[in-house]
Amino acid sequence: DNMIICADDFGISPSVSQGIIELVDMQRLSAVSCMVTYQDNLDRQFKLILPYRSFCDIGLHLNLTSGLPVTPKLDYSSGLVDKWGNFLSFDLLLKNLLKGKIDKKKLQKEIENQFYHFRELTSFFPDFIDGHQHIQQLPLVRDLLLDFCVTAYKGQRFYLRVGSFPIIKAVKQKLKIKMIMGSFAIKLFSRTYKNAIKAKKIQKNNYLFGYHDYNNELLFENIFSYYLKLVSSENDIFFMHPGYVDSDLIKRDPLIEGRERNLEFMKSDRFSELLEEHYIKINQYRFDKR
């Protein structure tokens, strides 16, 4: 079997980006998902990743829950930011979406602005789009994103990430219950999204693996090994959060210690050994497969 291994959060801080670039250089990743909402040295960070596009998909990590929006002067009335102009937490964003308190036009503008900012930084459209904390699957966000993609790409090849997960197979393989429950939570929001993607004839991944308790005592090696047992297609994605920790990251994201553990494991011989043991190779998205 083959699978896509994707590092999320490129661009959240220079040190996280550096760790991801090191893994791409070792050919340990086949996809990198990039945030464009933190503006420090983004040009420099993107220049370092672009030469690897021939064997690594480079996509947009749509962000609505961390830091500042790309849209200038996005205000509190939009339902997307607090009184200081920072994005709301995932819980508050979801609450506003479910209560209809989001300004649809302003949300649409922010999605478009992040997309076009990615293009400014790379000179190409994202190879794929997913979302920070899986926000691309949320009500309204998914509808606006899909409509925009159909218009923007105009037949160009790209794919979207969805949170599909083989629950029954995971139970049979005795996957840890927290990993099953977390993956199920991600899958919950994906059903409507998946159907809409199919209706618009857009490409998507098959299964999505990688959820784990980031403060858990489980070794990342064990987490990776558990999920490898569930891989069933070339377009299954394993997502992860490797990187070095710097002061910017500490200010921006609660996921700290796990990143360096991810990075250390991905650089190790054990990573390659596990792939061999499970007869799995890393590949980019295969557009001839659904």
Protein backbone atom coordinates (compact mmCIF):
# COMPACT_ATOMS: atom_id res chain seq x y z
CA ASP A 1 0.00 0.00 0.00
CA ASN A 2 0.90 3.66 -0.41
CA MET A 3 -0.14 6.66 1.67
CA ILE A 4 0.24 10.43 1.87
CA ILE A 5 2.09 11.75 4.91
CA CYS A 6 1.27 15.40 5.53
CA ALA A 7 2.78 17.91 7.94
CA ASP A 8 0.32 20.58 9.07
CA ASP A 9 0.99 24.14 10.29
CA PHE A 10 3.87 25.18 8.02
CA GLY A 11 4.09 28.95 8.56
CA ILE A 12 2.78 29.00 12.13
CA SER A 13 6.33 29.89 13.23
CA PRO A 14 9.79 29.89 11.61
CA SER A 15 10.99 26.97 13.75
CA VAL A 16 8.03 24.76 12.91
CA SER A 17 8.59 25.52 9.22
CA GLN A 18 12.29 24.69 9.55
CA GLY A 19 11.56 21.27 11.06
CA ILE A 20 9.08 20.50 8.27
CA ILE A 21 11.59 21.54 5.58
CA GLU A 22 14.18 19.17 7.08
CA LEU A 23 11.69 16.28 6.81
CA VAL A 24 10.75 17.15 3.23
CA ASP A 25 14.43 17.26 2.36
CA MET A 26 14.79 13.72 3.76
CA GLN A 27 11.73 12.71 1.67
CA ARG A 28 9.85 11.72 4.81
CA LEU A 29 6.77 13.77 3.80
CA SER A 30 4.68 13.87 0.64
CA ALA A 31 2.44 16.83 1.54
CA VAL A 32 2.82 20.08 3.49
CA SER A 33 -0.14 22.19 4.59
CA CYS A 34 0.68 25.90 4.89
CA MET A 35 -0.83 28.65 7.01
CA VAL A 36 -0.69 32.17 5.57
CA THR A 37 -2.09 34.09 8.53
CA TYR A 38 1.17 34.68 10.46
CA GLN A 39 3.11 37.24 8.48
CA ASP A 40 6.61 37.06 10.00
CA ASN A 41 9.16 36.08 7.33
CA LEU A 42 6.53 34.15 5.37
CA ASP A 43 8.25 34.98 2.07
CA ARG A 44 11.48 33.43 3.31
CA GLN A 45 9.73 30.34 4.72
CA PHE A 46 7.86 29.69 1.46
CA LYS A 47 10.98 30.17 -0.67
CA LEU A 48 12.56 27.29 1.26
CA ILE A 49 9.69 24.87 0.67
CA LEU A 50 8.91 25.60 -3.00
CA PRO A 51 11.84 23.67 -4.56
CA TYR A 52 10.39 20.43 -3.17
CA ARG A 53 7.06 20.60 -5.00
CA SER A 54 8.11 17.94 -7.53
CA PHE A 55 7.69 15.22 -4.88
CA CYS A 56 5.59 16.98 -2.23
CA ASP A 57 2.07 18.44 -2.50
CA ILE A 58 1.97 21.98 -1.12
CA GLY A 59 -1.45 23.07 0.10
CA LEU A 60 -3.37 25.71 2.03
CA HIS A 61 -4.10 25.15 5.72
CA LEU A 62 -7.17 27.39 5.95
CA ASN A 63 -7.15 29.04 9.36
CA LEU A 64 -10.08 30.67 11.20
CA THR A 65 -9.17 29.89 14.81
CA SER A 66 -5.63 31.15 15.48
CA GLY A 67 -4.03 34.59 15.23
CA LEU A 68 -5.13 37.41 12.93
CA PRO A 69 -7.13 37.28 9.70
CA VAL A 70 -5.59 38.17 6.34
CA THR A 71 -8.53 40.49 5.55
CA PRO A 72 -7.77 44.03 6.77
CA LYS A 73 -10.15 45.58 9.29
CA LEU A 74 -12.22 42.45 9.85
CA ASP A 75 -14.32 43.51 12.84
CA TYR A 76 -16.25 41.97 15.72
CA SER A 77 -19.56 42.23 13.82
CA SER A 78 -18.27 39.60 11.37
CA GLY A 79 -18.65 36.89 14.03
CA LEU A 80 -15.15 35.70 13.15
CA VAL A 81 -12.94 37.76 15.48
CA ASP A 82 -12.94 39.11 19.04
CA LYS A 83 -12.90 42.79 20.02
CA TRP A 84 -9.11 42.88 19.51
CA GLY A 85 -9.32 41.51 15.98
CA ASN A 86 -8.02 38.00 16.79
CA PHE A 87 -9.73 34.90 15.44
CA LEU A 88 -12.11 33.20 17.87
CA SER A 89 -11.39 29.79 19.40
CA PHE A 90 -12.78 26.73 17.62
CA ASP A 91 -15.64 26.45 20.14
CA LEU A 92 -16.72 30.08 19.74
CA LEU A 93 -16.43 29.92 15.95
CA LEU A 94 -18.60 26.78 15.85
CA LYS A 95 -21.13 28.40 18.18
CA ASN A 96 -21.43 31.46 15.93
CA LEU A 97 -21.73 29.27 12.83
CA LEU A 98 -24.52 27.19 14.36
CA LYS A 99 -26.37 30.28 15.62
CA GLY A 100 -26.11 32.06 12.27
CA LYS A 101 -24.00 34.86 13.72
CA ILE A 102 -21.38 34.85 10.96
CA ASP A 103 -21.32 37.53 8.26
CA LYS A 104 -21.33 35.31 5.16
CA LYS A 105 -19.71 37.86 2.85
CA LYS A 106 -16.90 38.58 5.29
CA LEU A 107 -16.22 34.87 5.79
CA GLN A 108 -16.18 34.39 2.03
CA LYS A 109 -13.72 37.28 1.68
CA GLU A 110 -11.37 35.81 4.31
CA ILE A 111 -11.36 32.41 2.57
CA GLU A 112 -10.59 34.09 -0.75
CA ASN A 113 -7.89 36.30 0.77
CA GLN A 114 -6.06 33.36 2.35
CA PHE A 115 -6.23 31.50 -0.98
CA TYR A 116 -4.86 34.42 -2.99
CA HIS A 117 -2.21 35.20 -0.39
CA PHE A 118 -1.00 31.62 -0.80
CA ARG A 119 -0.81 32.21 -4.55
CA GLU A 120 1.18 35.43 -4.01
CA LEU A 121 3.68 33.51 -1.89
CA THR A 122 4.00 30.54 -4.24
CA SER A 123 2.90 31.75 -7.71
CA PHE A 124 0.58 28.71 -7.97
CA PHE A 125 -2.79 27.60 -6.60
CA PRO A 126 -2.70 25.22 -3.61
CA ASP A 127 -2.32 21.56 -4.58
CA PHE A 128 -4.91 20.84 -1.88
CA ILE A 129 -6.89 22.63 0.82
CA ASP A 130 -7.57 21.51 4.37
CA GLY A 131 -8.16 23.44 7.59
CA HIS A 132 -6.58 24.22 10.94
CA GLN A 133 -8.56 22.17 13.51
CA HIS A 134 -10.48 20.74 10.51
CA ILE A 135 -12.54 23.95 10.14
CA GLN A 136 -12.96 23.34 6.39
CA GLN A 137 -15.70 20.80 7.27
CA LEU A 138 -17.82 23.14 9.40
CA PRO A 139 -21.25 24.42 8.29
CA LEU A 140 -21.15 27.46 6.00
CA VAL A 141 -17.32 27.33 5.81
CA ARG A 142 -17.53 24.16 3.69
CA ASP A 143 -20.25 25.60 1.42
CA LEU A 144 -18.36 28.83 0.75
CA LEU A 145 -15.07 26.98 0.27
CA LEU A 146 -16.56 24.52 -2.24
CA ASP A 147 -18.29 27.23 -4.27
CA PHE A 148 -15.08 29.24 -4.35
CA CYS A 149 -12.95 26.25 -5.39
CA VAL A 150 -15.23 25.43 -8.34
CA THR A 151 -14.92 29.02 -9.57
CA ALA A 152 -11.22 29.55 -8.80
CA TYR A 153 -9.66 26.31 -10.06
CA LYS A 154 -11.70 26.10 -13.30
CA GLY A 155 -10.68 22.54 -14.08
CA GLN A 156 -7.18 22.66 -12.57
CA ARG A 157 -6.28 19.59 -10.50
CA PHE A 158 -6.52 19.86 -6.71
CA TYR A 159 -7.96 17.88 -3.84
CA LEU A 160 -9.68 18.54 -0.53
CA ARG A 161 -9.06 16.82 2.78
CA VAL A 162 -11.98 15.19 4.60
CA GLY A 163 -12.11 13.42 7.93
CA SER A 164 -13.19 9.97 6.81
CA PHE A 165 -12.29 7.07 9.14
CA PRO A 166 -12.82 3.26 9.17
CA ILE A 167 -14.41 2.88 12.64
CA ILE A 168 -15.20 -0.85 12.42
CA LYS A 169 -11.73 -1.74 11.17
CA ALA A 170 -10.18 0.41 13.92
CA VAL A 171 -12.16 -1.44 16.60
CA LYS A 172 -11.12 -4.81 15.15
CA GLN A 173 -7.46 -3.73 15.13
CA LYS A 174 -7.84 -2.70 18.81
CA LEU A 175 -6.92 0.94 18.20
CA LYS A 176 -6.84 2.94 21.44
CA ILE A 177 -10.33 4.16 22.37
CA LYS A 178 -9.25 7.85 22.61
CA MET A 179 -7.83 7.67 19.09
CA ILE A 180 -11.06 6.12 17.80
CA MET A 181 -13.23 8.71 19.57
CA GLY A 182 -11.10 11.63 18.37
CA SER A 183 -11.09 10.35 14.80
CA PHE A 184 -14.86 9.80 15.02
CA ALA A 185 -15.35 13.43 16.15
CA ILE A 186 -13.43 14.65 13.08
CA LYS A 187 -15.46 12.29 10.87
CA LEU A 188 -18.77 13.61 12.29
CA PHE A 189 -18.49 16.93 10.50
CA SER A 190 -17.29 15.32 7.28
CA ARG A 191 -20.42 13.53 6.04
CA THR A 192 -22.19 16.55 4.53
CA TYR A 193 -18.87 17.90 3.26
CA LYS A 194 -18.03 14.58 1.57
CA ASN A 195 -21.39 14.43 -0.18
CA ALA A 196 -21.04 18.01 -1.42
CA ILE A 197 -17.51 17.31 -2.71
CA LYS A 198 -18.78 14.28 -4.59
CA ALA A 199 -21.68 16.25 -6.09
CA LYS A 200 -19.25 18.86 -7.42
CA LYS A 201 -16.91 16.14 -8.78
CA ILE A 202 -13.96 17.39 -6.72
CA GLN A 203 -11.17 15.00 -5.69
CA LYS A 204 -10.65 14.08 -2.03
CA ASN A 205 -8.62 11.73 0.14
CA ASN A 206 -9.95 8.36 1.22
CA TYR A 207 -9.27 7.97 4.97
CA LEU A 208 -7.66 10.46 7.35
CA PHE A 209 -5.41 9.18 10.14
CA GLY A 210 -3.34 10.83 12.81
CA TYR A 211 -5.57 12.01 15.63
CA HIS A 212 -4.07 11.34 19.05
CA ASP A 213 -4.04 12.82 22.54
CA TYR A 214 -1.16 15.28 22.20
CA ASN A 215 -0.47 15.17 25.94
CA ASN A 216 -0.59 11.39 26.03
CA GLU A 217 2.25 9.23 27.33
CA LEU A 218 2.05 7.06 24.16
CA LEU A 219 5.18 7.21 22.03
CA PHE A 220 4.55 8.74 18.62
CA GLU A 221 6.13 5.61 17.16
CA ASN A 222 3.26 3.57 18.63
CA ILE A 223 0.62 6.01 17.38
CA PHE A 224 2.05 5.84 13.87
CA SER A 225 2.24 2.05 14.01
CA TYR A 226 -1.41 1.75 15.13
CA TYR A 227 -2.63 3.80 12.17
CA LEU A 228 -0.47 2.01 9.60
CA LYS A 229 -2.56 -1.11 10.22
CA LEU A 230 -5.62 0.76 8.88
CA VAL A 231 -4.18 2.07 5.59
CA SER A 232 -6.19 0.80 2.64
CA SER A 233 -5.62 3.11 -0.34
CA GLU A 234 -3.03 5.31 -2.05
CA ASN A 235 -5.03 8.38 -1.09
CA ASP A 236 -5.20 7.78 2.64
CA ILE A 237 -3.62 10.69 4.53
CA PHE A 238 -1.69 10.57 7.79
CA PHE A 239 -1.51 14.11 9.20
CA MET A 240 0.97 15.23 11.84
CA HIS A 241 2.48 18.30 13.49
CA PRO A 242 6.30 18.13 13.48
CA GLY A 243 8.58 21.09 14.17
CA TYR A 244 10.97 22.85 16.50
CA VAL A 245 9.60 25.03 19.28
CA ASP A 246 10.29 28.77 19.38
CA SER A 247 8.83 31.73 21.29
CA ASP A 248 6.41 32.50 18.44
CA LEU A 249 4.91 29.01 18.60
CA ILE A 250 4.53 29.19 22.39
CA LYS A 251 2.47 32.37 21.99
CA ARG A 252 0.35 30.96 19.17
CA ASP A 253 -0.55 27.36 19.79
CA PRO A 254 -1.16 24.98 22.72
CA LEU A 255 0.50 22.09 20.86
CA ILE A 256 4.14 22.46 21.94
CA GLU A 257 5.95 19.37 23.26
CA GLY A 258 4.38 16.96 20.79
CA ARG A 259 5.90 18.73 17.79
CA GLU A 260 9.51 17.96 18.66
CA ARG A 261 8.57 14.35 19.48
CA ASN A 262 6.89 14.09 16.05
CA LEU A 263 9.98 15.54 14.38
CA GLU A 264 12.44 13.31 16.24
CA PHE A 265 10.50 10.16 15.32
CA MET A 266 10.08 11.17 11.68
CA LYS A 267 13.85 11.63 11.35
CA SER A 268 14.62 8.29 12.96
CA ASP A 269 15.43 4.95 11.34
CA ARG A 270 12.43 3.52 13.15
CA PHE A 271 10.09 5.56 10.94
CA SER A 272 11.49 3.90 7.80
CA GLU A 273 11.49 0.48 9.46
CA LEU A 274 7.79 0.74 10.33
CA LEU A 275 6.89 1.63 6.75
CA GLU A 276 8.83 -1.41 5.54
CA GLU A 277 7.23 -3.68 8.15
CA HIS A 278 3.76 -2.65 6.95
CA TYR A 279 4.73 -2.67 3.25
CA ILE A 280 3.80 0.99 2.86
CA LYS A 281 5.40 3.62 0.64
CA ILE A 282 4.92 7.38 0.77
CA ASN A 283 3.33 9.05 -2.24
CA GLN A 284 1.70 12.27 -3.35
CA TYR A 285 -2.01 12.38 -4.13
CA ARG A 286 -2.94 10.10 -7.04
CA PHE A 287 -5.55 11.79 -9.18
CA ASP A 288 -6.54 8.60 -10.96
CA LYS A 289 -7.75 7.18 -7.63
CA ARG A 290 -10.80 8.25 -5.63
